[in-house]
Amino acid sequence: MSDAVVEVSGLRSQFGERVIHDDLDLTVERGEVLGVVGGSGSGKTVLLNSIIGLKEPEGGTVKLFGHDRAELTKAQAADIERRTGILFQQGALFSSLSVIDNVASPLVEHTRLPKDVIRELAEMKIAMVGLKPESHHLKPAELSGGMRKRVGLARALALDPELLFLDEPTAGLDPIGAGAFDDLIRQLSDDLGLTVFMITHDLDTLYAITDKVAVVADKRIVAKATVQELEQSDHPWIREYFLGPRGRAVRKAA
């Protein structure tokens, strides 16, 4: 049996006449930390949205945990939602809720646990991402960008998911904050046995914590390999991305 958590086969995505993906294939193995990169307009977020069900593909299949997303029963869809966590680029926190209520919201929605148990679990998730109890009562507008990312991550982890989706998790963070967030993701992945699908432009992140990187170009996945293997690629975009001036700087610092 395949140990793939995500299986995308022959994906076709388009908006009107504009084709974003054509015959795209991608597999994410259990326990893998996968970085997803591609140029502006290559459809990285469209791919993410197709996998998590925010966009219906025009062709092909998307399977999560072996289940075809197009054929899910309501019960199966609910089960998959509980087994996945998502951190969107801007955090997507509820602005009117406190930190602890944001983190507790998936538990309120998907469980029938007593309020005191939900609060205790939310406190544990907040501590897990490195935030102190003093943050519990704060609203998103009172948080720094890095703190909002951590709250979003705590909420994504609220239901103890097996599969975690991250959309540009270090965007907008300073280098120190980005490095600390990278370390947190890798540690949580190792400690919790998570499978991670992460869209990122951050070369430091790719080198620091990914097991493999999938490259979206030419309307499909043109490569999935380690960063060291991608450095040897002949594909023009991959060479420019990893061996261009910024890529070389990262490699020298590594």
C-alpha atoms as a PDB file:
ATOM      1  CA  MET A   1       0.000   0.000   0.000  1.00  0.00           C
ATOM      2  CA  SER A   2       1.076   3.540  -0.734  1.00  0.00           C
ATOM      3  CA  ASP A   3       2.079   5.654   2.254  1.00  0.00           C
ATOM      4  CA  ALA A   4       1.107   8.824   0.394  1.00  0.00           C
ATOM      5  CA  VAL A   5      -0.933  11.331   2.373  1.00  0.00           C
ATOM      6  CA  VAL A   6      -1.573  13.604  -0.627  1.00  0.00           C
ATOM      7  CA  GLU A   7      -1.882  12.300  -4.187  1.00  0.00           C
ATOM      8  CA  VAL A   8      -2.570  14.726  -7.034  1.00  0.00           C
ATOM      9  CA  SER A   9      -2.922  13.146 -10.484  1.00  0.00           C
ATOM     10  CA  GLY A  10      -3.460  14.869 -13.828  1.00  0.00           C
ATOM     11  CA  LEU A  11      -4.656  18.096 -12.187  1.00  0.00           C
ATOM     12  CA  ARG A  12      -6.047  20.747 -14.517  1.00  0.00           C
ATOM     13  CA  SER A  13      -6.843  24.181 -13.104  1.00  0.00           C
ATOM     14  CA  GLN A  14      -8.059  27.191 -15.012  1.00  0.00           C
ATOM     15  CA  PHE A  15      -9.872  30.485 -14.679  1.00  0.00           C
ATOM     16  CA  GLY A  16     -11.856  31.145 -17.813  1.00  0.00           C
ATOM     17  CA  GLU A  17      -9.525  30.588 -20.738  1.00  0.00           C
ATOM     18  CA  ARG A  18      -6.403  30.887 -18.594  1.00  0.00           C
ATOM     19  CA  VAL A  19      -4.922  27.474 -17.795  1.00  0.00           C
ATOM     20  CA  ILE A  20      -2.942  27.413 -14.544  1.00  0.00           C
ATOM     21  CA  HIS A  21      -2.140  23.698 -14.268  1.00  0.00           C
ATOM     22  CA  ASP A  22      -2.198  21.073 -16.979  1.00  0.00           C
ATOM     23  CA  ASP A  23      -1.640  17.405 -16.129  1.00  0.00           C
ATOM     24  CA  LEU A  24       0.051  18.185 -12.795  1.00  0.00           C
ATOM     25  CA  ASP A  25       1.102  15.246 -10.619  1.00  0.00           C
ATOM     26  CA  LEU A  26       2.335  15.433  -7.034  1.00  0.00           C
ATOM     27  CA  THR A  27       2.670  12.968  -4.155  1.00  0.00           C
ATOM     28  CA  VAL A  28       3.409  13.879  -0.544  1.00  0.00           C
ATOM     29  CA  GLU A  29       4.602  10.977   1.588  1.00  0.00           C
ATOM     30  CA  ARG A  30       3.695  10.498   5.230  1.00  0.00           C
ATOM     31  CA  GLY A  31       6.111  12.308   7.545  1.00  0.00           C
ATOM     32  CA  GLU A  32       7.598  14.400   4.739  1.00  0.00           C
ATOM     33  CA  VAL A  33       8.260  18.128   5.065  1.00  0.00           C
ATOM     34  CA  LEU A  34       7.694  19.336   1.516  1.00  0.00           C
ATOM     35  CA  GLY A  35       8.481  22.826   0.294  1.00  0.00           C
ATOM     36  CA  VAL A  36       6.575  24.058  -2.765  1.00  0.00           C
ATOM     37  CA  VAL A  37       8.149  26.795  -4.878  1.00  0.00           C
ATOM     38  CA  GLY A  38       7.431  28.456  -8.201  1.00  0.00           C
ATOM     39  CA  GLY A  39       7.438  31.796  -9.927  1.00  0.00           C
ATOM     40  CA  SER A  40       4.753  34.439  -9.464  1.00  0.00           C
ATOM     41  CA  GLY A  41       1.590  33.257 -11.186  1.00  0.00           C
ATOM     42  CA  SER A  42       2.703  29.625 -11.373  1.00  0.00           C
ATOM     43  CA  GLY A  43      -0.290  28.538  -9.304  1.00  0.00           C
ATOM     44  CA  LYS A  44       1.158  27.492  -5.967  1.00  0.00           C
ATOM     45  CA  THR A  45      -1.804  28.792  -3.978  1.00  0.00           C
ATOM     46  CA  VAL A  46      -4.234  27.440  -6.596  1.00  0.00           C
ATOM     47  CA  LEU A  47      -2.628  24.038  -6.041  1.00  0.00           C
ATOM     48  CA  LEU A  48      -3.029  24.371  -2.282  1.00  0.00           C
ATOM     49  CA  ASN A  49      -6.654  25.444  -2.631  1.00  0.00           C
ATOM     50  CA  SER A  50      -7.354  22.520  -4.972  1.00  0.00           C
ATOM     51  CA  ILE A  51      -5.932  20.089  -2.427  1.00  0.00           C
ATOM     52  CA  ILE A  52      -7.807  21.471   0.584  1.00  0.00           C
ATOM     53  CA  GLY A  53     -11.081  21.850  -1.320  1.00  0.00           C
ATOM     54  CA  LEU A  54     -11.352  25.610  -1.745  1.00  0.00           C
ATOM     55  CA  LYS A  55     -11.191  25.227  -5.536  1.00  0.00           C
ATOM     56  CA  GLU A  56     -12.736  22.516  -7.665  1.00  0.00           C
ATOM     57  CA  PRO A  57     -10.253  21.340 -10.317  1.00  0.00           C
ATOM     58  CA  GLU A  58     -11.264  21.291 -13.964  1.00  0.00           C
ATOM     59  CA  GLY A  59      -9.666  17.866 -14.365  1.00  0.00           C
ATOM     60  CA  GLY A  60      -7.683  15.181 -12.604  1.00  0.00           C
ATOM     61  CA  THR A  61      -7.993  13.790  -9.088  1.00  0.00           C
ATOM     62  CA  VAL A  62      -6.955  14.861  -5.590  1.00  0.00           C
ATOM     63  CA  LYS A  63      -6.698  12.213  -2.897  1.00  0.00           C
ATOM     64  CA  LEU A  64      -6.141  12.830   0.816  1.00  0.00           C
ATOM     65  CA  PHE A  65      -5.389   9.842   3.032  1.00  0.00           C
ATOM     66  CA  GLY A  66      -6.355   7.620   0.098  1.00  0.00           C
ATOM     67  CA  HIS A  67      -9.792   9.200  -0.412  1.00  0.00           C
ATOM     68  CA  ASP A  68     -10.733  10.950  -3.657  1.00  0.00           C
ATOM     69  CA  ARG A  69     -11.836  14.435  -2.624  1.00  0.00           C
ATOM     70  CA  ALA A  70     -14.506  14.511  -5.342  1.00  0.00           C
ATOM     71  CA  GLU A  71     -16.176  11.396  -3.931  1.00  0.00           C
ATOM     72  CA  LEU A  72     -16.123  12.119  -0.200  1.00  0.00           C
ATOM     73  CA  THR A  73     -19.199  11.553   1.903  1.00  0.00           C
ATOM     74  CA  LYS A  74     -20.055  14.247   4.411  1.00  0.00           C
ATOM     75  CA  ALA A  75     -18.639  12.083   7.215  1.00  0.00           C
ATOM     76  CA  GLN A  76     -15.392  11.445   5.307  1.00  0.00           C
ATOM     77  CA  ALA A  77     -15.016  15.158   4.547  1.00  0.00           C
ATOM     78  CA  ALA A  78     -15.449  15.989   8.237  1.00  0.00           C
ATOM     79  CA  ASP A  79     -12.885  13.338   9.194  1.00  0.00           C
ATOM     80  CA  ILE A  80     -10.328  14.729   6.722  1.00  0.00           C
ATOM     81  CA  GLU A  81     -10.945  18.247   8.003  1.00  0.00           C
ATOM     82  CA  ARG A  82     -10.143  17.051  11.522  1.00  0.00           C
ATOM     83  CA  ARG A  83      -6.955  15.342  10.312  1.00  0.00           C
ATOM     84  CA  THR A  84      -5.608  18.468   8.591  1.00  0.00           C
ATOM     85  CA  GLY A  85      -4.497  21.858   9.825  1.00  0.00           C
ATOM     86  CA  ILE A  86      -4.024  24.998   7.745  1.00  0.00           C
ATOM     87  CA  LEU A  87      -2.010  28.154   8.378  1.00  0.00           C
ATOM     88  CA  PHE A  88      -2.902  30.773   5.785  1.00  0.00           C
ATOM     89  CA  GLN A  89      -0.388  33.473   4.851  1.00  0.00           C
ATOM     90  CA  GLN A  90      -2.022  36.262   6.868  1.00  0.00           C
ATOM     91  CA  GLY A  91      -3.016  33.985   9.729  1.00  0.00           C
ATOM     92  CA  ALA A  92      -6.768  34.412   9.020  1.00  0.00           C
ATOM     93  CA  LEU A  93      -7.460  34.924  12.716  1.00  0.00           C
ATOM     94  CA  PHE A  94     -10.877  36.064  13.903  1.00  0.00           C
ATOM     95  CA  SER A  95     -10.287  39.728  14.700  1.00  0.00           C
ATOM     96  CA  SER A  96     -13.009  39.896  17.359  1.00  0.00           C
ATOM     97  CA  LEU A  97     -11.725  36.876  19.306  1.00  0.00           C
ATOM     98  CA  SER A  98      -8.908  36.673  21.823  1.00  0.00           C
ATOM     99  CA  VAL A  99      -5.878  34.489  21.233  1.00  0.00           C
ATOM    100  CA  ILE A 100      -7.217  31.651  23.337  1.00  0.00           C
ATOM    101  CA  ASP A 101     -10.661  31.800  21.732  1.00  0.00           C
ATOM    102  CA  ASN A 102      -9.082  31.738  18.245  1.00  0.00           C
ATOM    103  CA  VAL A 103      -7.084  28.632  19.128  1.00  0.00           C
ATOM    104  CA  ALA A 104     -10.104  27.010  20.788  1.00  0.00           C
ATOM    105  CA  SER A 105     -12.424  27.608  17.820  1.00  0.00           C
ATOM    106  CA  PRO A 106     -11.700  24.301  15.976  1.00  0.00           C
ATOM    107  CA  LEU A 107     -12.281  22.398  19.225  1.00  0.00           C
ATOM    108  CA  VAL A 108     -15.598  24.190  19.738  1.00  0.00           C
ATOM    109  CA  GLU A 109     -16.631  23.432  16.150  1.00  0.00           C
ATOM    110  CA  HIS A 110     -15.528  19.806  15.887  1.00  0.00           C
ATOM    111  CA  THR A 111     -15.812  18.371  19.411  1.00  0.00           C
ATOM    112  CA  ARG A 112     -18.277  18.172  22.262  1.00  0.00           C
ATOM    113  CA  LEU A 113     -15.675  18.543  24.962  1.00  0.00           C
ATOM    114  CA  PRO A 114     -16.516  20.533  28.118  1.00  0.00           C
ATOM    115  CA  LYS A 115     -15.515  24.197  28.048  1.00  0.00           C
ATOM    116  CA  ASP A 116     -12.845  23.764  30.720  1.00  0.00           C
ATOM    117  CA  VAL A 117     -11.215  20.919  28.760  1.00  0.00           C
ATOM    118  CA  ILE A 118     -11.278  22.961  25.555  1.00  0.00           C
ATOM    119  CA  ARG A 119      -9.636  25.871  27.336  1.00  0.00           C
ATOM    120  CA  GLU A 120      -6.952  23.587  28.800  1.00  0.00           C
ATOM    121  CA  LEU A 121      -6.195  22.102  25.373  1.00  0.00           C
ATOM    122  CA  ALA A 122      -6.041  25.559  23.800  1.00  0.00           C
ATOM    123  CA  GLU A 123      -3.612  26.685  26.503  1.00  0.00           C
ATOM    124  CA  MET A 124      -1.425  23.659  25.738  1.00  0.00           C
ATOM    125  CA  LYS A 125      -1.339  24.484  22.004  1.00  0.00           C
ATOM    126  CA  ILE A 126      -0.467  28.101  22.719  1.00  0.00           C
ATOM    127  CA  ALA A 127       2.411  27.006  24.935  1.00  0.00           C
ATOM    128  CA  MET A 128       3.485  24.482  22.288  1.00  0.00           C
ATOM    129  CA  VAL A 129       4.142  27.286  19.774  1.00  0.00           C
ATOM    130  CA  GLY A 130       6.158  29.304  22.265  1.00  0.00           C
ATOM    131  CA  LEU A 131       3.653  31.928  23.425  1.00  0.00           C
ATOM    132  CA  LYS A 132       3.232  32.878  27.068  1.00  0.00           C
ATOM    133  CA  PRO A 133      -0.022  32.887  29.081  1.00  0.00           C
ATOM    134  CA  GLU A 134      -0.012  36.703  29.033  1.00  0.00           C
ATOM    135  CA  SER A 135      -1.002  36.505  25.365  1.00  0.00           C
ATOM    136  CA  HIS A 136      -4.239  34.613  25.989  1.00  0.00           C
ATOM    137  CA  HIS A 137      -6.514  37.645  26.331  1.00  0.00           C
ATOM    138  CA  LEU A 138      -4.994  39.692  23.491  1.00  0.00           C
ATOM    139  CA  LYS A 139      -6.790  40.338  20.205  1.00  0.00           C
ATOM    140  CA  PRO A 140      -5.017  39.828  16.840  1.00  0.00           C
ATOM    141  CA  ALA A 141      -4.620  43.597  16.346  1.00  0.00           C
ATOM    142  CA  GLU A 142      -2.511  43.696  19.521  1.00  0.00           C
ATOM    143  CA  LEU A 143      -0.057  41.053  18.293  1.00  0.00           C
ATOM    144  CA  SER A 144       3.148  41.343  16.295  1.00  0.00           C
ATOM    145  CA  GLY A 145       3.342  39.611  12.935  1.00  0.00           C
ATOM    146  CA  GLY A 146       5.366  36.781  14.406  1.00  0.00           C
ATOM    147  CA  MET A 147       2.899  36.282  17.244  1.00  0.00           C
ATOM    148  CA  ARG A 148      -0.028  36.176  14.817  1.00  0.00           C
ATOM    149  CA  LYS A 149       1.771  33.438  12.849  1.00  0.00           C
ATOM    150  CA  ARG A 150       2.252  31.436  16.043  1.00  0.00           C
ATOM    151  CA  VAL A 151      -1.381  31.839  17.066  1.00  0.00           C
ATOM    152  CA  GLY A 152      -2.438  30.714  13.590  1.00  0.00           C
ATOM    153  CA  LEU A 153      -0.143  27.712  13.924  1.00  0.00           C
ATOM    154  CA  ALA A 154      -1.533  26.866  17.368  1.00  0.00           C
ATOM    155  CA  ARG A 155      -5.050  26.965  15.925  1.00  0.00           C
ATOM    156  CA  ALA A 156      -3.968  24.768  12.993  1.00  0.00           C
ATOM    157  CA  LEU A 157      -2.662  22.241  15.530  1.00  0.00           C
ATOM    158  CA  ALA A 158      -5.715  22.379  17.807  1.00  0.00           C
ATOM    159  CA  LEU A 159      -7.201  19.075  16.613  1.00  0.00           C
ATOM    160  CA  ASP A 160      -3.858  17.214  16.560  1.00  0.00           C
ATOM    161  CA  PRO A 161      -3.749  16.942  12.755  1.00  0.00           C
ATOM    162  CA  GLU A 162      -1.623  14.497  10.801  1.00  0.00           C
ATOM    163  CA  LEU A 163      -1.231  16.821   7.810  1.00  0.00           C
ATOM    164  CA  LEU A 164      -0.299  20.500   8.045  1.00  0.00           C
ATOM    165  CA  PHE A 165      -0.611  23.029   5.216  1.00  0.00           C
ATOM    166  CA  LEU A 166       1.427  26.241   5.478  1.00  0.00           C
ATOM    167  CA  ASP A 167       1.111  29.152   3.044  1.00  0.00           C
ATOM    168  CA  GLU A 168       4.206  31.383   3.170  1.00  0.00           C
ATOM    169  CA  PRO A 169       4.700  30.871   6.933  1.00  0.00           C
ATOM    170  CA  THR A 170       7.728  33.191   7.209  1.00  0.00           C
ATOM    171  CA  ALA A 171       6.470  35.973   4.905  1.00  0.00           C
ATOM    172  CA  GLY A 172       6.744  39.358   6.589  1.00  0.00           C
ATOM    173  CA  LEU A 173       9.008  38.142   9.386  1.00  0.00           C
ATOM    174  CA  ASP A 174      12.492  39.475  10.029  1.00  0.00           C
ATOM    175  CA  PRO A 175      15.350  36.980   9.546  1.00  0.00           C
ATOM    176  CA  ILE A 176      15.592  36.146  13.244  1.00  0.00           C
ATOM    177  CA  GLY A 177      11.845  35.645  13.565  1.00  0.00           C
ATOM    178  CA  ALA A 178      11.752  33.594  10.362  1.00  0.00           C
ATOM    179  CA  GLY A 179      14.570  31.373  11.594  1.00  0.00           C
ATOM    180  CA  ALA A 180      12.813  30.810  14.907  1.00  0.00           C
ATOM    181  CA  PHE A 181       9.593  29.926  13.084  1.00  0.00           C
ATOM    182  CA  ASP A 182      11.471  27.479  10.847  1.00  0.00           C
ATOM    183  CA  ASP A 183      12.932  25.790  13.917  1.00  0.00           C
ATOM    184  CA  LEU A 184       9.470  25.584  15.473  1.00  0.00           C
ATOM    185  CA  ILE A 185       7.938  23.940  12.388  1.00  0.00           C
ATOM    186  CA  ARG A 186      10.743  21.384  12.115  1.00  0.00           C
ATOM    187  CA  GLN A 187      10.584  20.577  15.822  1.00  0.00           C
ATOM    188  CA  LEU A 188       6.808  20.159  15.770  1.00  0.00           C
ATOM    189  CA  SER A 189       7.035  18.016  12.644  1.00  0.00           C
ATOM    190  CA  ASP A 190       9.574  15.733  14.287  1.00  0.00           C
ATOM    191  CA  ASP A 191       7.853  15.602  17.689  1.00  0.00           C
ATOM    192  CA  LEU A 192       4.305  15.124  16.384  1.00  0.00           C
ATOM    193  CA  GLY A 193       5.056  13.063  13.272  1.00  0.00           C
ATOM    194  CA  LEU A 194       3.428  15.652  11.016  1.00  0.00           C
ATOM    195  CA  THR A 195       3.355  15.650   7.248  1.00  0.00           C
ATOM    196  CA  VAL A 196       3.919  19.234   6.069  1.00  0.00           C
ATOM    197  CA  PHE A 197       2.991  20.851   2.744  1.00  0.00           C
ATOM    198  CA  MET A 198       4.539  24.313   2.754  1.00  0.00           C
ATOM    199  CA  ILE A 199       4.436  27.019   0.093  1.00  0.00           C
ATOM    200  CA  THR A 200       7.403  29.328   0.544  1.00  0.00           C
ATOM    201  CA  HIS A 201       9.708  31.736  -1.255  1.00  0.00           C
ATOM    202  CA  ASP A 202      12.224  31.592   1.584  1.00  0.00           C
ATOM    203  CA  LEU A 203      15.441  29.887   0.495  1.00  0.00           C
ATOM    204  CA  ASP A 204      16.651  29.737   4.092  1.00  0.00           C
ATOM    205  CA  THR A 205      13.527  27.763   4.994  1.00  0.00           C
ATOM    206  CA  LEU A 206      14.033  25.358   2.097  1.00  0.00           C
ATOM    207  CA  TYR A 207      17.611  24.614   3.101  1.00  0.00           C
ATOM    208  CA  ALA A 208      16.903  24.477   6.825  1.00  0.00           C
ATOM    209  CA  ILE A 209      13.852  22.275   7.270  1.00  0.00           C
ATOM    210  CA  THR A 210      12.523  20.641   4.086  1.00  0.00           C
ATOM    211  CA  ASP A 211      13.044  17.012   3.175  1.00  0.00           C
ATOM    212  CA  LYS A 212      12.183  17.698  -0.461  1.00  0.00           C
ATOM    213  CA  VAL A 213      11.072  20.599  -2.646  1.00  0.00           C
ATOM    214  CA  ALA A 214       8.457  20.469  -5.419  1.00  0.00           C
ATOM    215  CA  VAL A 215       8.882  23.024  -8.195  1.00  0.00           C
ATOM    216  CA  VAL A 216       5.801  24.376  -9.992  1.00  0.00           C
ATOM    217  CA  ALA A 217       6.670  25.569 -13.503  1.00  0.00           C
ATOM    218  CA  ASP A 218       5.364  25.104 -17.043  1.00  0.00           C
ATOM    219  CA  LYS A 219       1.885  24.393 -15.579  1.00  0.00           C
ATOM    220  CA  ARG A 220       3.027  21.254 -13.730  1.00  0.00           C
ATOM    221  CA  ILE A 221       5.498  19.911 -11.158  1.00  0.00           C
ATOM    222  CA  VAL A 222       8.779  19.836 -13.077  1.00  0.00           C
ATOM    223  CA  ALA A 223      10.840  18.417 -10.210  1.00  0.00           C
ATOM    224  CA  LYS A 224      10.542  17.046  -6.697  1.00  0.00           C
ATOM    225  CA  ALA A 225      13.885  16.501  -5.008  1.00  0.00           C
ATOM    226  CA  THR A 226      16.175  17.648  -2.224  1.00  0.00           C
ATOM    227  CA  VAL A 227      17.597  21.139  -2.534  1.00  0.00           C
ATOM    228  CA  GLN A 228      21.020  19.630  -3.143  1.00  0.00           C
ATOM    229  CA  GLU A 229      19.646  17.638  -6.074  1.00  0.00           C
ATOM    230  CA  LEU A 230      17.802  20.669  -7.438  1.00  0.00           C
ATOM    231  CA  GLU A 231      21.080  22.585  -7.512  1.00  0.00           C
ATOM    232  CA  GLN A 232      22.144  20.136 -10.231  1.00  0.00           C
ATOM    233  CA  SER A 233      19.010  20.632 -12.338  1.00  0.00           C
ATOM    234  CA  ASP A 234      19.179  21.826 -15.939  1.00  0.00           C
ATOM    235  CA  HIS A 235      15.746  23.468 -15.807  1.00  0.00           C
ATOM    236  CA  PRO A 236      16.228  27.233 -16.418  1.00  0.00           C
ATOM    237  CA  TRP A 237      13.900  28.449 -13.663  1.00  0.00           C
ATOM    238  CA  ILE A 238      15.306  26.024 -11.099  1.00  0.00           C
ATOM    239  CA  ARG A 239      18.879  27.037 -11.922  1.00  0.00           C
ATOM    240  CA  GLU A 240      18.030  30.722 -11.616  1.00  0.00           C
ATOM    241  CA  TYR A 241      16.174  30.178  -8.348  1.00  0.00           C
ATOM    242  CA  PHE A 242      18.760  28.048  -6.569  1.00  0.00           C
ATOM    243  CA  LEU A 243      21.975  29.182  -8.268  1.00  0.00           C
ATOM    244  CA  GLY A 244      21.215  32.859  -8.875  1.00  0.00           C
ATOM    245  CA  PRO A 245      22.711  35.618  -6.669  1.00  0.00           C
ATOM    246  CA  ARG A 246      20.319  35.077  -3.757  1.00  0.00           C
ATOM    247  CA  GLY A 247      20.591  31.305  -3.994  1.00  0.00           C
ATOM    248  CA  ARG A 248      24.368  31.450  -3.951  1.00  0.00           C
ATOM    249  CA  ALA A 249      24.281  33.694  -0.883  1.00  0.00           C
ATOM    250  CA  VAL A 250      22.216  31.166   1.018  1.00  0.00           C
ATOM    251  CA  ARG A 251      24.478  28.292  -0.008  1.00  0.00           C
ATOM    252  CA  LYS A 252      27.581  30.166   1.158  1.00  0.00           C
ATOM    253  CA  ALA A 253      25.956  30.889   4.506  1.00  0.00           C
ATOM    254  CA  ALA A 254      24.784  27.286   4.975  1.00  0.00           C
END
